[in-house]
C-alpha atoms as a PDB file:
ATOM      1  CA  UNK A   1      -9.862  23.232  -6.670  1.00  0.00           C
ATOM      2  CA  UNK A   2      -8.464  20.750  -9.149  1.00  0.00           C
ATOM      3  CA  UNK A   3      -5.933  18.298  -7.723  1.00  0.00           C
ATOM      4  CA  UNK A   4      -4.081  18.033 -11.029  1.00  0.00           C
ATOM      5  CA  UNK A   5      -2.970  21.657 -10.687  1.00  0.00           C
ATOM      6  CA  UNK A   6      -0.801  20.603  -7.730  1.00  0.00           C
ATOM      7  CA  UNK A   7       0.811  17.685  -9.563  1.00  0.00           C
ATOM      8  CA  UNK A   8       4.017  18.470 -11.471  1.00  0.00           C
ATOM      9  CA  UNK A   9       3.452  18.644 -15.263  1.00  0.00           C
ATOM     10  CA  UNK A  10       5.821  15.744 -15.947  1.00  0.00           C
ATOM     11  CA  UNK A  11       3.485  13.334 -14.132  1.00  0.00           C
ATOM     12  CA  UNK A  12       0.284  14.454 -15.856  1.00  0.00           C
ATOM     13  CA  UNK A  13       1.143  13.215 -19.327  1.00  0.00           C
ATOM     14  CA  UNK A  14      -1.590  10.581 -19.545  1.00  0.00           C
ATOM     15  CA  UNK A  15      -5.127  10.342 -18.177  1.00  0.00           C
ATOM     16  CA  UNK A  16      -4.128   7.150 -16.359  1.00  0.00           C
ATOM     17  CA  UNK A  17      -1.329   8.999 -14.557  1.00  0.00           C
ATOM     18  CA  UNK A  18      -3.763  11.706 -13.491  1.00  0.00           C
ATOM     19  CA  UNK A  19      -6.237   9.069 -12.245  1.00  0.00           C
ATOM     20  CA  UNK A  20      -3.511   7.328 -10.229  1.00  0.00           C
ATOM     21  CA  UNK A  21      -2.380  10.643  -8.761  1.00  0.00           C
ATOM     22  CA  UNK A  22      -5.947  11.557  -7.839  1.00  0.00           C
ATOM     23  CA  UNK A  23      -6.412   8.222  -6.076  1.00  0.00           C
ATOM     24  CA  UNK A  24      -3.176   8.205  -4.124  1.00  0.00           C
ATOM     25  CA  UNK A  25      -2.982  11.425  -2.136  1.00  0.00           C
ATOM     26  CA  UNK A  26      -0.300  11.269   0.494  1.00  0.00           C
ATOM     27  CA  UNK A  27       0.216  13.508   3.488  1.00  0.00           C
ATOM     28  CA  UNK A  28       2.368  15.976   1.549  1.00  0.00           C
ATOM     29  CA  UNK A  29      -0.285  16.347  -1.158  1.00  0.00           C
ATOM     30  CA  UNK A  30      -2.958  16.863   1.483  1.00  0.00           C
ATOM     31  CA  UNK A  31      -0.896  19.605   3.115  1.00  0.00           C
ATOM     32  CA  UNK A  32      -0.343  21.264  -0.281  1.00  0.00           C
ATOM     33  CA  UNK A  33      -4.099  21.166  -0.894  1.00  0.00           C
ATOM     34  CA  UNK A  34      -4.840  22.607   2.522  1.00  0.00           C
ATOM     35  CA  UNK A  35      -2.251  25.372   2.045  1.00  0.00           C
ATOM     36  CA  UNK A  36      -3.686  26.223  -1.362  1.00  0.00           C
ATOM     37  CA  UNK A  37      -7.186  26.229   0.061  1.00  0.00           C
ATOM     38  CA  UNK A  38      -6.136  28.594   2.850  1.00  0.00           C
ATOM     39  CA  UNK A  39      -4.223  30.910   0.518  1.00  0.00           C
ATOM     40  CA  UNK A  40      -7.139  31.255  -1.928  1.00  0.00           C
ATOM     41  CA  UNK A  41      -9.930  31.614   0.614  1.00  0.00           C
ATOM     42  CA  UNK A  42     -12.012  34.752   0.809  1.00  0.00           C
ATOM     43  CA  UNK A  43     -10.783  36.768   3.818  1.00  0.00           C
ATOM     44  CA  UNK A  44     -14.339  37.897   4.509  1.00  0.00           C
ATOM     45  CA  UNK A  45     -15.542  34.266   4.616  1.00  0.00           C
ATOM     46  CA  UNK A  46     -12.789  32.158   6.179  1.00  0.00           C
ATOM     47  CA  UNK A  47     -13.043  28.398   6.333  1.00  0.00           C
ATOM     48  CA  UNK A  48     -14.836  27.124   9.390  1.00  0.00           C
ATOM     49  CA  UNK A  49     -12.434  25.692  11.967  1.00  0.00           C
ATOM     50  CA  UNK A  50     -14.707  22.680  12.463  1.00  0.00           C
ATOM     51  CA  UNK A  51     -14.500  21.881   8.754  1.00  0.00           C
ATOM     52  CA  UNK A  52     -10.705  22.082   8.822  1.00  0.00           C
ATOM     53  CA  UNK A  53     -10.472  19.821  11.878  1.00  0.00           C
ATOM     54  CA  UNK A  54     -12.921  17.384  10.276  1.00  0.00           C
ATOM     55  CA  UNK A  55     -10.789  17.240   7.122  1.00  0.00           C
ATOM     56  CA  UNK A  56      -7.639  16.612   9.162  1.00  0.00           C
ATOM     57  CA  UNK A  57      -9.406  13.892  11.156  1.00  0.00           C
ATOM     58  CA  UNK A  58     -10.631  12.209   7.978  1.00  0.00           C
ATOM     59  CA  UNK A  59      -7.159  12.260   6.476  1.00  0.00           C
ATOM     60  CA  UNK A  60      -5.692  10.815   9.666  1.00  0.00           C
ATOM     61  CA  UNK A  61      -8.286   8.043   9.619  1.00  0.00           C
ATOM     62  CA  UNK A  62      -7.515   7.187   6.016  1.00  0.00           C
ATOM     63  CA  UNK A  63      -3.772   7.197   6.720  1.00  0.00           C
ATOM     64  CA  UNK A  64      -4.315   4.887   9.705  1.00  0.00           C
ATOM     65  CA  UNK A  65      -6.465   2.533   7.650  1.00  0.00           C
ATOM     66  CA  UNK A  66      -3.840   2.467   4.922  1.00  0.00           C
ATOM     67  CA  UNK A  67      -1.099   1.652   7.419  1.00  0.00           C
ATOM     68  CA  UNK A  68      -3.236  -1.092   8.979  1.00  0.00           C
ATOM     69  CA  UNK A  69      -3.894  -2.493   5.527  1.00  0.00           C
ATOM     70  CA  UNK A  70      -0.173  -2.647   4.809  1.00  0.00           C
ATOM     71  CA  UNK A  71       0.496  -4.360   8.141  1.00  0.00           C
ATOM     72  CA  UNK A  72      -2.238  -6.918   7.535  1.00  0.00           C
ATOM     73  CA  UNK A  73      -0.820  -7.601   4.078  1.00  0.00           C
ATOM     74  CA  UNK A  74       2.590  -8.309   5.605  1.00  0.00           C
ATOM     75  CA  UNK A  75       1.035 -10.605   8.210  1.00  0.00           C
ATOM     76  CA  UNK A  76      -0.891 -12.468   5.519  1.00  0.00           C
ATOM     77  CA  UNK A  77       2.299 -12.961   3.527  1.00  0.00           C
ATOM     78  CA  UNK A  78       4.093 -14.321   6.598  1.00  0.00           C
ATOM     79  CA  UNK A  79       1.213 -16.729   7.233  1.00  0.00           C
ATOM     80  CA  UNK A  80       1.357 -17.967   3.634  1.00  0.00           C
ATOM     81  CA  UNK A  81       5.104 -18.535   3.947  1.00  0.00           C
ATOM     82  CA  UNK A  82       4.747 -20.362   7.263  1.00  0.00           C
ATOM     83  CA  UNK A  83       1.892 -22.500   5.954  1.00  0.00           C
ATOM     84  CA  UNK A  84       3.989 -23.533   2.956  1.00  0.00           C
ATOM     85  CA  UNK A  85       6.929 -24.297   5.245  1.00  0.00           C
ATOM     86  CA  UNK A  86       4.749 -26.416   7.537  1.00  0.00           C
ATOM     87  CA  UNK A  87       3.444 -28.295   4.508  1.00  0.00           C
ATOM     88  CA  UNK A  88       7.014 -29.017   3.419  1.00  0.00           C
ATOM     89  CA  UNK A  89       7.981 -30.164   6.929  1.00  0.00           C
ATOM     90  CA  UNK A  90       4.938 -32.400   7.159  1.00  0.00           C
ATOM     91  CA  UNK A  91       5.639 -33.939   3.765  1.00  0.00           C
ATOM     92  CA  UNK A  92       9.258 -34.564   4.776  1.00  0.00           C
ATOM     93  CA  UNK A  93       8.350 -36.243   8.086  1.00  0.00           C
ATOM     94  CA  UNK A  94       5.568 -38.519   6.848  1.00  0.00           C
ATOM     95  CA  UNK A  95       6.701 -42.096   6.556  1.00  0.00           C
ATOM     96  CA  UNK A  96       6.950 -43.359   3.034  1.00  0.00           C
ATOM     97  CA  UNK A  97       4.547 -46.205   2.613  1.00  0.00           C
ATOM     98  CA  UNK A  98       5.837 -49.142   0.659  1.00  0.00           C
ATOM     99  CA  UNK A  99       3.453 -51.615  -0.904  1.00  0.00           C
ATOM    100  CA  UNK A 100       3.511 -54.945   0.864  1.00  0.00           C
ATOM    101  CA  UNK A 101       4.334 -57.892  -1.319  1.00  0.00           C
END
């Protein structure tokens, strides 16, 4: 099944938009894909339950990794801010050396 068939036509105007949409599937898009897959399956050959559970587990793993990545990005930003602040505090508290005459 082609993912672009589930994306509204207004967002598929350029190849770059299609590429971005293909790379950033969210939970809603995954559920739409799964529903489409179930509705178009052959009733005489249903999808294996193990395959469906494996797909759900993979999506959950990817979602968890994405959330962890976002959290780590926020922590890294806080560390950068704190490091800059500590540098400013250190610069402000260092005694100014005057040349001896």
